[in-house]
Amino acid sequence: MWVYGSPLLQAAVGIDPAVTERLPKAPKNLFHRELLSRRIAELKSHIPLEGIREAVIRAVLYIGMTRNSVDERGFELVRRIRSAQRDLPSLSLAEFKTLLREQFLILLIDQEATLQ
């Protein structure tokens, strides 16, 4: 509150502290909903096709979700399993980040089906 509650800072960013009304929500966009539903369907279709690498990543993320954090031990586990699976192609850092992001989103969308 000392920094963000400062009247000088609030005036600089256009916030009027006297206004008590909530800001209006952005209007709902049908195009955005359509894109979102397509992406959810795409991610759900990946669930039965995935292998051990994806399952381990989801397990690490699931465990971290209960604590609201994932620490270096979880990532080290994923790295070790990644290196132990010699028959799987290695991933670049960008591909690995994409894989982590997708597995997290899949876990958020349908936790029960994902964990099975």
PDB file of N, CA and C in Angstrom:
ATOM      1  N   MET A   1       0.821  -1.194   0.000  1.00  0.00           N
ATOM      2  CA  MET A   1       0.000   0.000   0.000  1.00  0.00           C
ATOM      3  C   MET A   1       0.865   1.258   0.000  1.00  0.00           C
ATOM      4  N   TRP A   2       2.082   1.175   0.556  1.00  0.00           N
ATOM      5  CA  TRP A   2       2.938   2.336   0.614  1.00  0.00           C
ATOM      6  C   TRP A   2       3.310   2.789  -0.799  1.00  0.00           C
ATOM      7  N   VAL A   3       3.543   1.822  -1.685  1.00  0.00           N
ATOM      8  CA  VAL A   3       3.915   2.178  -3.059  1.00  0.00           C
ATOM      9  C   VAL A   3       2.679   2.335  -3.928  1.00  0.00           C
ATOM     10  N   TYR A   4       1.861   1.287  -4.000  1.00  0.00           N
ATOM     11  CA  TYR A   4       0.730   1.290  -4.926  1.00  0.00           C
ATOM     12  C   TYR A   4      -0.446   2.115  -4.421  1.00  0.00           C
ATOM     13  N   GLY A   5      -0.485   2.406  -3.140  1.00  0.00           N
ATOM     14  CA  GLY A   5      -1.546   3.237  -2.590  1.00  0.00           C
ATOM     15  C   GLY A   5      -1.218   4.715  -2.639  1.00  0.00           C
ATOM     16  N   SER A   6      -0.059   5.036  -3.146  1.00  0.00           N
ATOM     17  CA  SER A   6       0.369   6.423  -3.222  1.00  0.00           C
ATOM     18  C   SER A   6      -0.521   7.207  -4.185  1.00  0.00           C
ATOM     19  N   PRO A   7      -1.097   8.326  -3.746  1.00  0.00           N
ATOM     20  CA  PRO A   7      -1.933   9.127  -4.641  1.00  0.00           C
ATOM     21  C   PRO A   7      -1.179   9.616  -5.876  1.00  0.00           C
ATOM     22  N   LEU A   8       0.111   9.873  -5.733  1.00  0.00           N
ATOM     23  CA  LEU A   8       0.907  10.334  -6.867  1.00  0.00           C
ATOM     24  C   LEU A   8       1.013   9.241  -7.936  1.00  0.00           C
ATOM     25  N   LEU A   9       1.304   8.017  -7.515  1.00  0.00           N
ATOM     26  CA  LEU A   9       1.392   6.903  -8.462  1.00  0.00           C
ATOM     27  C   LEU A   9       0.032   6.615  -9.088  1.00  0.00           C
ATOM     28  N   GLN A  10      -1.020   6.622  -8.273  1.00  0.00           N
ATOM     29  CA  GLN A  10      -2.355   6.352  -8.809  1.00  0.00           C
ATOM     30  C   GLN A  10      -2.757   7.399  -9.832  1.00  0.00           C
ATOM     31  N   ALA A  11      -2.444   8.645  -9.585  1.00  0.00           N
ATOM     32  CA  ALA A  11      -2.753   9.711 -10.544  1.00  0.00           C
ATOM     33  C   ALA A  11      -1.937   9.530 -11.822  1.00  0.00           C
ATOM     34  N   ALA A  12      -0.688   9.091 -11.678  1.00  0.00           N
ATOM     35  CA  ALA A  12       0.176   8.911 -12.853  1.00  0.00           C
ATOM     36  C   ALA A  12      -0.331   7.816 -13.786  1.00  0.00           C
ATOM     37  N   VAL A  13      -0.959   6.771 -13.234  1.00  0.00           N
ATOM     38  CA  VAL A  13      -1.454   5.674 -14.081  1.00  0.00           C
ATOM     39  C   VAL A  13      -2.948   5.782 -14.363  1.00  0.00           C
ATOM     40  N   GLY A  14      -3.575   6.867 -13.919  1.00  0.00           N
ATOM     41  CA  GLY A  14      -4.970   7.106 -14.266  1.00  0.00           C
ATOM     42  C   GLY A  14      -5.975   6.448 -13.351  1.00  0.00           C
ATOM     43  N   ILE A  15      -5.616   6.201 -12.119  1.00  0.00           N
ATOM     44  CA  ILE A  15      -6.543   5.592 -11.154  1.00  0.00           C
ATOM     45  C   ILE A  15      -7.071   6.687 -10.246  1.00  0.00           C
ATOM     46  N   ASP A  16      -8.384   6.744 -10.134  1.00  0.00           N
ATOM     47  CA  ASP A  16      -9.003   7.711  -9.234  1.00  0.00           C
ATOM     48  C   ASP A  16      -9.392   6.982  -7.954  1.00  0.00           C
ATOM     49  N   PRO A  17      -8.722   7.244  -6.833  1.00  0.00           N
ATOM     50  CA  PRO A  17      -9.023   6.526  -5.592  1.00  0.00           C
ATOM     51  C   PRO A  17     -10.418   6.815  -5.047  1.00  0.00           C
ATOM     52  N   ALA A  18     -11.065   7.890  -5.501  1.00  0.00           N
ATOM     53  CA  ALA A  18     -12.404   8.226  -5.020  1.00  0.00           C
ATOM     54  C   ALA A  18     -13.476   7.337  -5.658  1.00  0.00           C
ATOM     55  N   VAL A  19     -13.173   6.726  -6.794  1.00  0.00           N
ATOM     56  CA  VAL A  19     -14.151   5.876  -7.484  1.00  0.00           C
ATOM     57  C   VAL A  19     -14.210   4.525  -6.785  1.00  0.00           C
ATOM     58  N   THR A  20     -15.408   4.130  -6.382  1.00  0.00           N
ATOM     59  CA  THR A  20     -15.574   2.847  -5.691  1.00  0.00           C
ATOM     60  C   THR A  20     -16.238   1.800  -6.570  1.00  0.00           C
ATOM     61  N   GLU A  21     -16.677   2.186  -7.764  1.00  0.00           N
ATOM     62  CA  GLU A  21     -17.325   1.235  -8.669  1.00  0.00           C
ATOM     63  C   GLU A  21     -16.288   0.303  -9.269  1.00  0.00           C
ATOM     64  N   ARG A  22     -16.717  -0.911  -9.539  1.00  0.00           N
ATOM     65  CA  ARG A  22     -15.831  -1.864 -10.213  1.00  0.00           C
ATOM     66  C   ARG A  22     -15.736  -1.510 -11.688  1.00  0.00           C
ATOM     67  N   LEU A  23     -14.604  -1.808 -12.269  1.00  0.00           N
ATOM     68  CA  LEU A  23     -14.423  -1.573 -13.690  1.00  0.00           C
ATOM     69  C   LEU A  23     -15.284  -2.541 -14.485  1.00  0.00           C
ATOM     70  N   PRO A  24     -15.816  -2.124 -15.623  1.00  0.00           N
ATOM     71  CA  PRO A  24     -16.635  -3.036 -16.421  1.00  0.00           C
ATOM     72  C   PRO A  24     -15.778  -4.164 -16.997  1.00  0.00           C
ATOM     73  N   LYS A  25     -16.381  -5.332 -17.096  1.00  0.00           N
ATOM     74  CA  LYS A  25     -15.682  -6.466 -17.695  1.00  0.00           C
ATOM     75  C   LYS A  25     -15.669  -6.312 -19.205  1.00  0.00           C
ATOM     76  N   ALA A  26     -14.682  -6.904 -19.818  1.00  0.00           N
ATOM     77  CA  ALA A  26     -14.591  -6.875 -21.273  1.00  0.00           C
ATOM     78  C   ALA A  26     -15.770  -7.658 -21.861  1.00  0.00           C
ATOM     79  N   PRO A  27     -16.295  -7.203 -22.973  1.00  0.00           N
ATOM     80  CA  PRO A  27     -17.411  -7.936 -23.582  1.00  0.00           C
ATOM     81  C   PRO A  27     -16.969  -9.315 -24.042  1.00  0.00           C
ATOM     82  N   LYS A  28     -17.912 -10.241 -24.037  1.00  0.00           N
ATOM     83  CA  LYS A  28     -17.606 -11.607 -24.457  1.00  0.00           C
ATOM     84  C   LYS A  28     -17.487 -11.651 -25.973  1.00  0.00           C
ATOM     85  N   ASN A  29     -16.446 -12.295 -26.426  1.00  0.00           N
ATOM     86  CA  ASN A  29     -16.143 -12.353 -27.839  1.00  0.00           C
ATOM     87  C   ASN A  29     -16.404 -13.777 -28.328  1.00  0.00           C
ATOM     88  N   LEU A  30     -17.291 -13.927 -29.292  1.00  0.00           N
ATOM     89  CA  LEU A  30     -17.627 -15.254 -29.813  1.00  0.00           C
ATOM     90  C   LEU A  30     -16.444 -15.895 -30.522  1.00  0.00           C
ATOM     91  N   PHE A  31     -15.648 -15.108 -31.209  1.00  0.00           N
ATOM     92  CA  PHE A  31     -14.476 -15.634 -31.895  1.00  0.00           C
ATOM     93  C   PHE A  31     -13.486 -16.217 -30.885  1.00  0.00           C
ATOM     94  N   HIS A  32     -13.274 -15.512 -29.779  1.00  0.00           N
ATOM     95  CA  HIS A  32     -12.365 -15.998 -28.745  1.00  0.00           C
ATOM     96  C   HIS A  32     -12.900 -17.290 -28.136  1.00  0.00           C
ATOM     97  N   ARG A  33     -14.201 -17.345 -27.887  1.00  0.00           N
ATOM     98  CA  ARG A  33     -14.795 -18.583 -27.356  1.00  0.00           C
ATOM     99  C   ARG A  33     -14.591 -19.757 -28.294  1.00  0.00           C
ATOM    100  N   GLU A  34     -14.766 -19.517 -29.579  1.00  0.00           N
ATOM    101  CA  GLU A  34     -14.587 -20.570 -30.581  1.00  0.00           C
ATOM    102  C   GLU A  34     -13.141 -21.061 -30.590  1.00  0.00           C
ATOM    103  N   LEU A  35     -12.194 -20.133 -30.575  1.00  0.00           N
ATOM    104  CA  LEU A  35     -10.788 -20.523 -30.526  1.00  0.00           C
ATOM    105  C   LEU A  35     -10.463 -21.303 -29.258  1.00  0.00           C
ATOM    106  N   LEU A  36     -11.015 -20.853 -28.156  1.00  0.00           N
ATOM    107  CA  LEU A  36     -10.784 -21.526 -26.883  1.00  0.00           C
ATOM    108  C   LEU A  36     -11.360 -22.940 -26.887  1.00  0.00           C
ATOM    109  N   SER A  37     -12.569 -23.109 -27.386  1.00  0.00           N
ATOM    110  CA  SER A  37     -13.168 -24.445 -27.413  1.00  0.00           C
ATOM    111  C   SER A  37     -12.408 -25.378 -28.364  1.00  0.00           C
ATOM    112  N   ARG A  38     -11.898 -24.841 -29.468  1.00  0.00           N
ATOM    113  CA  ARG A  38     -11.085 -25.665 -30.378  1.00  0.00           C
ATOM    114  C   ARG A  38      -9.781 -26.102 -29.716  1.00  0.00           C
ATOM    115  N   ARG A  39      -9.147 -25.186 -28.995  1.00  0.00           N
ATOM    116  CA  ARG A  39      -7.888 -25.518 -28.319  1.00  0.00           C
ATOM    117  C   ARG A  39      -8.109 -26.542 -27.226  1.00  0.00           C
ATOM    118  N   ILE A  40      -9.205 -26.411 -26.493  1.00  0.00           N
ATOM    119  CA  ILE A  40      -9.526 -27.394 -25.449  1.00  0.00           C
ATOM    120  C   ILE A  40      -9.769 -28.759 -26.066  1.00  0.00           C
ATOM    121  N   ALA A  41     -10.513 -28.806 -27.160  1.00  0.00           N
ATOM    122  CA  ALA A  41     -10.762 -30.078 -27.842  1.00  0.00           C
ATOM    123  C   ALA A  41      -9.461 -30.690 -28.356  1.00  0.00           C
ATOM    124  N   GLU A  42      -8.579 -29.852 -28.887  1.00  0.00           N
ATOM    125  CA  GLU A  42      -7.287 -30.337 -29.374  1.00  0.00           C
ATOM    126  C   GLU A  42      -6.461 -30.936 -28.232  1.00  0.00           C
ATOM    127  N   LEU A  43      -6.409 -30.232 -27.113  1.00  0.00           N
ATOM    128  CA  LEU A  43      -5.641 -30.730 -25.971  1.00  0.00           C
ATOM    129  C   LEU A  43      -6.244 -32.021 -25.409  1.00  0.00           C
ATOM    130  N   LYS A  44      -7.563 -32.097 -25.354  1.00  0.00           N
ATOM    131  CA  LYS A  44      -8.213 -33.326 -24.861  1.00  0.00           C
ATOM    132  C   LYS A  44      -7.939 -34.504 -25.785  1.00  0.00           C
ATOM    133  N   SER A  45      -7.820 -34.236 -27.073  1.00  0.00           N
ATOM    134  CA  SER A  45      -7.562 -35.331 -28.015  1.00  0.00           C
ATOM    135  C   SER A  45      -6.158 -35.893 -27.848  1.00  0.00           C
ATOM    136  N   HIS A  46      -5.252 -35.135 -27.251  1.00  0.00           N
ATOM    137  CA  HIS A  46      -3.875 -35.604 -27.038  1.00  0.00           C
ATOM    138  C   HIS A  46      -3.749 -36.537 -25.835  1.00  0.00           C
ATOM    139  N   ILE A  47      -4.711 -36.522 -24.931  1.00  0.00           N
ATOM    140  CA  ILE A  47      -4.587 -37.278 -23.680  1.00  0.00           C
ATOM    141  C   ILE A  47      -4.319 -38.765 -23.919  1.00  0.00           C
ATOM    142  N   PRO A  48      -5.101 -39.475 -24.724  1.00  0.00           N
ATOM    143  CA  PRO A  48      -4.845 -40.916 -24.866  1.00  0.00           C
ATOM    144  C   PRO A  48      -3.623 -41.258 -25.716  1.00  0.00           C
ATOM    145  N   LEU A  49      -3.064 -40.297 -26.428  1.00  0.00           N
ATOM    146  CA  LEU A  49      -1.960 -40.561 -27.346  1.00  0.00           C
ATOM    147  C   LEU A  49      -0.588 -40.396 -26.718  1.00  0.00           C
ATOM    148  N   GLU A  50      -0.512 -39.923 -25.505  1.00  0.00           N
ATOM    149  CA  GLU A  50       0.761 -39.526 -24.943  1.00  0.00           C
ATOM    150  C   GLU A  50       1.463 -40.669 -24.236  1.00  0.00           C
ATOM    151  N   GLY A  51       2.772 -40.527 -24.088  1.00  0.00           N
ATOM    152  CA  GLY A  51       3.605 -41.590 -23.555  1.00  0.00           C
ATOM    153  C   GLY A  51       4.120 -41.329 -22.159  1.00  0.00           C
ATOM    154  N   ILE A  52       5.211 -42.027 -21.832  1.00  0.00           N
ATOM    155  CA  ILE A  52       5.778 -41.989 -20.488  1.00  0.00           C
ATOM    156  C   ILE A  52       6.322 -40.603 -20.151  1.00  0.00           C
ATOM    157  N   ARG A  53       6.933 -39.941 -21.116  1.00  0.00           N
ATOM    158  CA  ARG A  53       7.489 -38.603 -20.859  1.00  0.00           C
ATOM    159  C   ARG A  53       6.395 -37.642 -20.417  1.00  0.00           C
ATOM    160  N   GLU A  54       5.295 -37.632 -21.141  1.00  0.00           N
ATOM    161  CA  GLU A  54       4.194 -36.740 -20.809  1.00  0.00           C
ATOM    162  C   GLU A  54       3.558 -37.112 -19.471  1.00  0.00           C
ATOM    163  N   ALA A  55       3.448 -38.418 -19.217  1.00  0.00           N
ATOM    164  CA  ALA A  55       2.862 -38.876 -17.950  1.00  0.00           C
ATOM    165  C   ALA A  55       3.703 -38.441 -16.757  1.00  0.00           C
ATOM    166  N   VAL A  56       5.004 -38.525 -16.883  1.00  0.00           N
ATOM    167  CA  VAL A  56       5.889 -38.113 -15.783  1.00  0.00           C
ATOM    168  C   VAL A  56       5.800 -36.604 -15.570  1.00  0.00           C
ATOM    169  N   ILE A  57       5.766 -35.855 -16.642  1.00  0.00           N
ATOM    170  CA  ILE A  57       5.649 -34.403 -16.523  1.00  0.00           C
ATOM    171  C   ILE A  57       4.333 -34.041 -15.844  1.00  0.00           C
ATOM    172  N   ARG A  58       3.250 -34.700 -16.243  1.00  0.00           N
ATOM    173  CA  ARG A  58       1.952 -34.422 -15.596  1.00  0.00           C
ATOM    174  C   ARG A  58       1.988 -34.787 -14.124  1.00  0.00           C
ATOM    175  N   ALA A  59       2.646 -35.897 -13.783  1.00  0.00           N
ATOM    176  CA  ALA A  59       2.730 -36.302 -12.378  1.00  0.00           C
ATOM    177  C   ALA A  59       3.486 -35.266 -11.555  1.00  0.00           C
ATOM    178  N   VAL A  60       4.591 -34.781 -12.090  1.00  0.00           N
ATOM    179  CA  VAL A  60       5.382 -33.762 -11.384  1.00  0.00           C
ATOM    180  C   VAL A  60       4.561 -32.480 -11.232  1.00  0.00           C
ATOM    181  N   LEU A  61       3.882 -32.080 -12.291  1.00  0.00           N
ATOM    182  CA  LEU A  61       3.049 -30.881 -12.218  1.00  0.00           C
ATOM    183  C   LEU A  61       1.899 -31.065 -11.230  1.00  0.00           C
ATOM    184  N   TYR A  62       1.279 -32.232 -11.235  1.00  0.00           N
ATOM    185  CA  TYR A  62       0.168 -32.504 -10.322  1.00  0.00           C
ATOM    186  C   TYR A  62       0.628 -32.423  -8.871  1.00  0.00           C
ATOM    187  N   ILE A  63       1.765 -33.005  -8.584  1.00  0.00           N
ATOM    188  CA  ILE A  63       2.299 -32.949  -7.222  1.00  0.00           C
ATOM    189  C   ILE A  63       2.604 -31.502  -6.842  1.00  0.00           C
ATOM    190  N   GLY A  64       3.164 -30.743  -7.768  1.00  0.00           N
ATOM    191  CA  GLY A  64       3.468 -29.343  -7.505  1.00  0.00           C
ATOM    192  C   GLY A  64       2.228 -28.487  -7.336  1.00  0.00           C
ATOM    193  N   MET A  65       1.127 -28.869  -8.011  1.00  0.00           N
ATOM    194  CA  MET A  65      -0.108 -28.098  -7.894  1.00  0.00           C
ATOM    195  C   MET A  65      -0.679 -28.161  -6.484  1.00  0.00           C
ATOM    196  N   THR A  66      -0.479 -29.268  -5.792  1.00  0.00           N
ATOM    197  CA  THR A  66      -1.017 -29.375  -4.436  1.00  0.00           C
ATOM    198  C   THR A  66      -0.287 -28.441  -3.481  1.00  0.00           C
ATOM    199  N   ARG A  67       0.969 -28.114  -3.816  1.00  0.00           N
ATOM    200  CA  ARG A  67       1.754 -27.196  -2.989  1.00  0.00           C
ATOM    201  C   ARG A  67       1.813 -25.802  -3.581  1.00  0.00           C
ATOM    202  N   ASN A  68       1.155 -25.583  -4.707  1.00  0.00           N
ATOM    203  CA  ASN A  68       1.183 -24.316  -5.434  1.00  0.00           C
ATOM    204  C   ASN A  68       2.586 -23.938  -5.908  1.00  0.00           C
ATOM    205  N   SER A  69       3.444 -24.949  -6.069  1.00  0.00           N
ATOM    206  CA  SER A  69       4.780 -24.682  -6.599  1.00  0.00           C
ATOM    207  C   SER A  69       5.412 -25.986  -7.057  1.00  0.00           C
ATOM    208  N   VAL A  70       6.328 -25.865  -7.975  1.00  0.00           N
ATOM    209  CA  VAL A  70       7.147 -26.989  -8.402  1.00  0.00           C
ATOM    210  C   VAL A  70       8.585 -26.567  -8.172  1.00  0.00           C
ATOM    211  N   ASP A  71       9.318 -27.366  -7.431  1.00  0.00           N
ATOM    212  CA  ASP A  71      10.705 -26.981  -7.146  1.00  0.00           C
ATOM    213  C   ASP A  71      11.663 -27.725  -8.065  1.00  0.00           C
ATOM    214  N   GLU A  72      12.952 -27.519  -7.834  1.00  0.00           N
ATOM    215  CA  GLU A  72      13.968 -28.082  -8.727  1.00  0.00           C
ATOM    216  C   GLU A  72      14.013 -29.602  -8.677  1.00  0.00           C
ATOM    217  N   ARG A  73      13.540 -30.222  -7.592  1.00  0.00           N
ATOM    218  CA  ARG A  73      13.556 -31.686  -7.521  1.00  0.00           C
ATOM    219  C   ARG A  73      12.649 -32.300  -8.574  1.00  0.00           C
ATOM    220  N   GLY A  74      11.502 -31.691  -8.807  1.00  0.00           N
ATOM    221  CA  GLY A  74      10.596 -32.187  -9.840  1.00  0.00           C
ATOM    222  C   GLY A  74      11.191 -32.072 -11.228  1.00  0.00           C
ATOM    223  N   PHE A  75      11.817 -30.945 -11.502  1.00  0.00           N
ATOM    224  CA  PHE A  75      12.445 -30.768 -12.814  1.00  0.00           C
ATOM    225  C   PHE A  75      13.645 -31.689 -12.983  1.00  0.00           C
ATOM    226  N   GLU A  76      14.373 -31.927 -11.923  1.00  0.00           N
ATOM    227  CA  GLU A  76      15.509 -32.858 -11.992  1.00  0.00           C
ATOM    228  C   GLU A  76      15.011 -34.267 -12.302  1.00  0.00           C
ATOM    229  N   LEU A  77      13.871 -34.643 -11.710  1.00  0.00           N
ATOM    230  CA  LEU A  77      13.275 -35.951 -11.988  1.00  0.00           C
ATOM    231  C   LEU A  77      12.909 -36.061 -13.466  1.00  0.00           C
ATOM    232  N   VAL A  78      12.299 -35.020 -14.011  1.00  0.00           N
ATOM    233  CA  VAL A  78      11.940 -35.029 -15.430  1.00  0.00           C
ATOM    234  C   VAL A  78      13.193 -35.108 -16.294  1.00  0.00           C
ATOM    235  N   ARG A  79      14.254 -34.386 -15.929  1.00  0.00           N
ATOM    236  CA  ARG A  79      15.507 -34.440 -16.682  1.00  0.00           C
ATOM    237  C   ARG A  79      16.107 -35.832 -16.665  1.00  0.00           C
ATOM    238  N   ARG A  80      16.089 -36.482 -15.507  1.00  0.00           N
ATOM    239  CA  ARG A  80      16.659 -37.834 -15.412  1.00  0.00           C
ATOM    240  C   ARG A  80      15.864 -38.829 -16.237  1.00  0.00           C
ATOM    241  N   ILE A  81      14.571 -38.737 -16.169  1.00  0.00           N
ATOM    242  CA  ILE A  81      13.747 -39.655 -16.961  1.00  0.00           C
ATOM    243  C   ILE A  81      13.935 -39.363 -18.443  1.00  0.00           C
ATOM    244  N   ARG A  82      14.061 -38.092 -18.780  1.00  0.00           N
ATOM    245  CA  ARG A  82      14.308 -37.713 -20.176  1.00  0.00           C
ATOM    246  C   ARG A  82      15.607 -38.322 -20.679  1.00  0.00           C
ATOM    247  N   SER A  83      16.643 -38.296 -19.864  1.00  0.00           N
ATOM    248  CA  SER A  83      17.923 -38.854 -20.300  1.00  0.00           C
ATOM    249  C   SER A  83      17.917 -40.378 -20.268  1.00  0.00           C
ATOM    250  N   ALA A  84      17.095 -40.987 -19.422  1.00  0.00           N
ATOM    251  CA  ALA A  84      17.037 -42.448 -19.340  1.00  0.00           C
ATOM    252  C   ALA A  84      16.276 -43.060 -20.520  1.00  0.00           C
ATOM    253  N   GLN A  85      15.392 -42.299 -21.125  1.00  0.00           N
ATOM    254  CA  GLN A  85      14.601 -42.794 -22.255  1.00  0.00           C
ATOM    255  C   GLN A  85      15.365 -42.566 -23.553  1.00  0.00           C
ATOM    256  N   ARG A  86      16.331 -43.401 -23.811  1.00  0.00           N
ATOM    257  CA  ARG A  86      17.202 -43.226 -24.987  1.00  0.00           C
ATOM    258  C   ARG A  86      16.449 -43.450 -26.303  1.00  0.00           C
ATOM    259  N   ASP A  87      15.364 -44.247 -26.253  1.00  0.00           N
ATOM    260  CA  ASP A  87      14.630 -44.513 -27.485  1.00  0.00           C
ATOM    261  C   ASP A  87      13.717 -43.350 -27.871  1.00  0.00           C
ATOM    262  N   LEU A  88      13.502 -42.395 -26.946  1.00  0.00           N
ATOM    263  CA  LEU A  88      12.698 -41.221 -27.262  1.00  0.00           C
ATOM    264  C   LEU A  88      13.609 -40.126 -27.790  1.00  0.00           C
ATOM    265  N   PRO A  89      13.156 -39.395 -28.782  1.00  0.00           N
ATOM    266  CA  PRO A  89      13.992 -38.304 -29.288  1.00  0.00           C
ATOM    267  C   PRO A  89      14.113 -37.200 -28.237  1.00  0.00           C
ATOM    268  N   SER A  90      15.297 -36.602 -28.146  1.00  0.00           N
ATOM    269  CA  SER A  90      15.479 -35.525 -27.179  1.00  0.00           C
ATOM    270  C   SER A  90      14.779 -34.270 -27.695  1.00  0.00           C
ATOM    271  N   LEU A  91      14.420 -33.417 -26.771  1.00  0.00           N
ATOM    272  CA  LEU A  91      13.704 -32.197 -27.110  1.00  0.00           C
ATOM    273  C   LEU A  91      14.612 -30.988 -26.924  1.00  0.00           C
ATOM    274  N   SER A  92      14.404 -30.001 -27.768  1.00  0.00           N
ATOM    275  CA  SER A  92      15.092 -28.730 -27.550  1.00  0.00           C
ATOM    276  C   SER A  92      14.433 -28.044 -26.360  1.00  0.00           C
ATOM    277  N   LEU A  93      15.057 -26.990 -25.868  1.00  0.00           N
ATOM    278  CA  LEU A  93      14.501 -26.275 -24.729  1.00  0.00           C
ATOM    279  C   LEU A  93      13.132 -25.696 -25.062  1.00  0.00           C
ATOM    280  N   ALA A  94      12.970 -25.153 -26.255  1.00  0.00           N
ATOM    281  CA  ALA A  94      11.681 -24.583 -26.667  1.00  0.00           C
ATOM    282  C   ALA A  94      10.602 -25.662 -26.739  1.00  0.00           C
ATOM    283  N   GLU A  95      10.961 -26.826 -27.287  1.00  0.00           N
ATOM    284  CA  GLU A  95      10.006 -27.933 -27.367  1.00  0.00           C
ATOM    285  C   GLU A  95       9.646 -28.435 -25.973  1.00  0.00           C
ATOM    286  N   PHE A  96      10.625 -28.483 -25.084  1.00  0.00           N
ATOM    287  CA  PHE A  96      10.392 -28.931 -23.716  1.00  0.00           C
ATOM    288  C   PHE A  96       9.458 -27.967 -22.983  1.00  0.00           C
ATOM    289  N   LYS A  97       9.656 -26.661 -23.175  1.00  0.00           N
ATOM    290  CA  LYS A  97       8.774 -25.667 -22.561  1.00  0.00           C
ATOM    291  C   LYS A  97       7.352 -25.793 -23.102  1.00  0.00           C
ATOM    292  N   THR A  98       7.227 -26.017 -24.401  1.00  0.00           N
ATOM    293  CA  THR A  98       5.909 -26.201 -25.005  1.00  0.00           C
ATOM    294  C   THR A  98       5.234 -27.442 -24.434  1.00  0.00           C
ATOM    295  N   LEU A  99       6.000 -28.512 -24.293  1.00  0.00           N
ATOM    296  CA  LEU A  99       5.467 -29.748 -23.720  1.00  0.00           C
ATOM    297  C   LEU A  99       4.991 -29.525 -22.289  1.00  0.00           C
ATOM    298  N   LEU A 100       5.772 -28.823 -21.487  1.00  0.00           N
ATOM    299  CA  LEU A 100       5.375 -28.518 -20.111  1.00  0.00           C
ATOM    300  C   LEU A 100       4.093 -27.691 -20.083  1.00  0.00           C
ATOM    301  N   ARG A 101       4.027 -26.681 -20.915  1.00  0.00           N
ATOM    302  CA  ARG A 101       2.852 -25.815 -20.960  1.00  0.00           C
ATOM    303  C   ARG A 101       1.609 -26.610 -21.354  1.00  0.00           C
ATOM    304  N   GLU A 102       1.737 -27.450 -22.378  1.00  0.00           N
ATOM    305  CA  GLU A 102       0.588 -28.239 -22.825  1.00  0.00           C
ATOM    306  C   GLU A 102       0.145 -29.236 -21.759  1.00  0.00           C
ATOM    307  N   GLN A 103       1.096 -29.873 -21.098  1.00  0.00           N
ATOM    308  CA  GLN A 103       0.728 -30.843 -20.061  1.00  0.00           C
ATOM    309  C   GLN A 103       0.057 -30.147 -18.886  1.00  0.00           C
ATOM    310  N   PHE A 104       0.492 -28.960 -18.551  1.00  0.00           N
ATOM    311  CA  PHE A 104      -0.153 -28.199 -17.482  1.00  0.00           C
ATOM    312  C   PHE A 104      -1.580 -27.845 -17.870  1.00  0.00           C
ATOM    313  N   LEU A 105      -1.772 -27.379 -19.109  1.00  0.00           N
ATOM    314  CA  LEU A 105      -3.114 -27.023 -19.564  1.00  0.00           C
ATOM    315  C   LEU A 105      -4.021 -28.247 -19.607  1.00  0.00           C
ATOM    316  N   ILE A 106      -3.495 -29.367 -20.083  1.00  0.00           N
ATOM    317  CA  ILE A 106      -4.283 -30.603 -20.113  1.00  0.00           C
ATOM    318  C   ILE A 106      -4.689 -30.999 -18.699  1.00  0.00           C
ATOM    319  N   LEU A 107      -3.781 -30.855 -17.770  1.00  0.00           N
ATOM    320  CA  LEU A 107      -4.068 -31.176 -16.377  1.00  0.00           C
ATOM    321  C   LEU A 107      -5.149 -30.263 -15.819  1.00  0.00           C
ATOM    322  N   LEU A 108      -5.139 -29.005 -16.191  1.00  0.00           N
ATOM    323  CA  LEU A 108      -6.169 -28.073 -15.737  1.00  0.00           C
ATOM    324  C   LEU A 108      -7.527 -28.374 -16.345  1.00  0.00           C
ATOM    325  N   ILE A 109      -7.525 -28.772 -17.606  1.00  0.00           N
ATOM    326  CA  ILE A 109      -8.782 -28.992 -18.328  1.00  0.00           C
ATOM    327  C   ILE A 109      -9.524 -30.225 -17.803  1.00  0.00           C
ATOM    328  N   ASP A 110      -8.836 -31.353 -17.714  1.00  0.00           N
ATOM    329  CA  ASP A 110      -9.482 -32.593 -17.301  1.00  0.00           C
ATOM    330  C   ASP A 110      -8.531 -33.390 -16.429  1.00  0.00           C
ATOM    331  N   GLN A 111      -8.509 -33.062 -15.157  1.00  0.00           N
ATOM    332  CA  GLN A 111      -7.545 -33.665 -14.238  1.00  0.00           C
ATOM    333  C   GLN A 111      -7.743 -35.162 -14.109  1.00  0.00           C
ATOM    334  N   GLU A 112      -8.977 -35.614 -14.002  1.00  0.00           N
ATOM    335  CA  GLU A 112      -9.232 -37.046 -13.793  1.00  0.00           C
ATOM    336  C   GLU A 112      -8.781 -37.888 -14.981  1.00  0.00           C
ATOM    337  N   ALA A 113      -9.163 -37.481 -16.177  1.00  0.00           N
ATOM    338  CA  ALA A 113      -8.782 -38.244 -17.374  1.00  0.00           C
ATOM    339  C   ALA A 113      -7.268 -38.182 -17.593  1.00  0.00           C
ATOM    340  N   THR A 114      -6.688 -37.059 -17.273  1.00  0.00           N
ATOM    341  CA  THR A 114      -5.254 -36.889 -17.466  1.00  0.00           C
ATOM    342  C   THR A 114      -4.457 -37.805 -16.556  1.00  0.00           C
ATOM    343  N   LEU A 115      -4.888 -37.935 -15.327  1.00  0.00           N
ATOM    344  CA  LEU A 115      -4.149 -38.760 -14.365  1.00  0.00           C
ATOM    345  C   LEU A 115      -4.347 -40.254 -14.609  1.00  0.00           C
ATOM    346  N   GLN A 116      -5.416 -40.610 -15.268  1.00  0.00           N
ATOM    347  CA  GLN A 116      -5.616 -42.034 -15.589  1.00  0.00           C
ATOM    348  C   GLN A 116      -4.625 -42.472 -16.627  1.00  0.00           C
TER     349      GLN A 116
END
